[in-house]
Amino acid sequence: MTGKHTLQEIEAAEKKPLWKRLGWLAMIWAGSVLALFIVASLMRLFMSAAGLSTH
């Protein structure tokens, strides 16, 4: 496998329903927002443990 997609693979991907493609986009976006929330919460927890305030 060379990493390049064939024309048939590209056409097959374009035939998928729009709601499925948008669903993947929404899932990836939600996952990134959740990951950012977790990292920010952990940083806030560590700052509080070190005696720093967040306000």
Protein backbone atom coordinates (compact mmCIF):
# COMPACT_ATOMS: atom_id res chain seq x y z
CA MET A 1 0.00 0.00 0.00
CA THR A 2 1.50 3.31 -1.09
CA GLY A 3 -0.75 5.56 0.96
CA LYS A 4 -2.51 6.96 -2.12
CA HIS A 5 -6.22 6.40 -2.57
CA THR A 6 -7.60 5.00 -5.81
CA LEU A 7 -10.34 6.71 -7.73
CA GLN A 8 -12.77 3.95 -6.73
CA GLU A 9 -12.05 4.53 -3.02
CA ILE A 10 -12.59 8.27 -3.38
CA GLU A 11 -15.86 7.77 -5.26
CA ALA A 12 -17.06 5.28 -2.64
CA ALA A 13 -16.32 7.77 0.15
CA GLU A 14 -18.22 10.51 -1.67
CA LYS A 15 -21.30 8.28 -2.01
CA LYS A 16 -21.70 7.95 1.76
CA PRO A 17 -24.70 9.88 3.09
CA LEU A 18 -24.08 13.43 4.21
CA TRP A 19 -25.46 12.72 7.69
CA LYS A 20 -22.83 10.01 8.21
CA ARG A 21 -20.00 12.30 7.14
CA LEU A 22 -21.32 15.11 9.33
CA GLY A 23 -21.79 12.64 12.18
CA TRP A 24 -18.10 11.74 12.06
CA LEU A 25 -17.20 15.41 12.01
CA ALA A 26 -19.39 16.08 15.06
CA MET A 27 -17.93 13.09 16.92
CA ILE A 28 -14.36 14.22 16.27
CA TRP A 29 -15.21 17.77 17.35
CA ALA A 30 -16.96 16.58 20.53
CA GLY A 31 -14.03 14.30 21.33
CA SER A 32 -11.56 17.15 21.00
CA VAL A 33 -13.69 19.43 23.21
CA LEU A 34 -13.93 16.67 25.82
CA ALA A 35 -10.16 16.09 25.72
CA LEU A 36 -9.53 19.81 26.17
CA PHE A 37 -11.95 19.89 29.13
CA ILE A 38 -10.16 16.96 30.78
CA VAL A 39 -6.72 18.54 30.33
CA ALA A 40 -7.93 21.90 31.66
CA SER A 41 -9.60 20.24 34.65
CA LEU A 42 -6.44 18.32 35.50
CA MET A 43 -4.36 21.48 35.27
CA ARG A 44 -6.80 23.28 37.55
CA LEU A 45 -6.67 20.37 40.01
CA PHE A 46 -2.87 20.39 40.08
CA MET A 47 -2.80 24.17 40.49
CA SER A 48 -5.19 23.93 43.43
CA ALA A 49 -3.07 21.17 44.98
CA ALA A 50 0.00 23.43 44.67
CA GLY A 51 -1.79 26.25 46.50
CA LEU A 52 -2.49 28.43 43.49
CA SER A 53 -5.89 29.97 42.94
CA THR A 54 -7.77 30.10 39.64
CA HIS A 55 -9.41 33.47 40.25
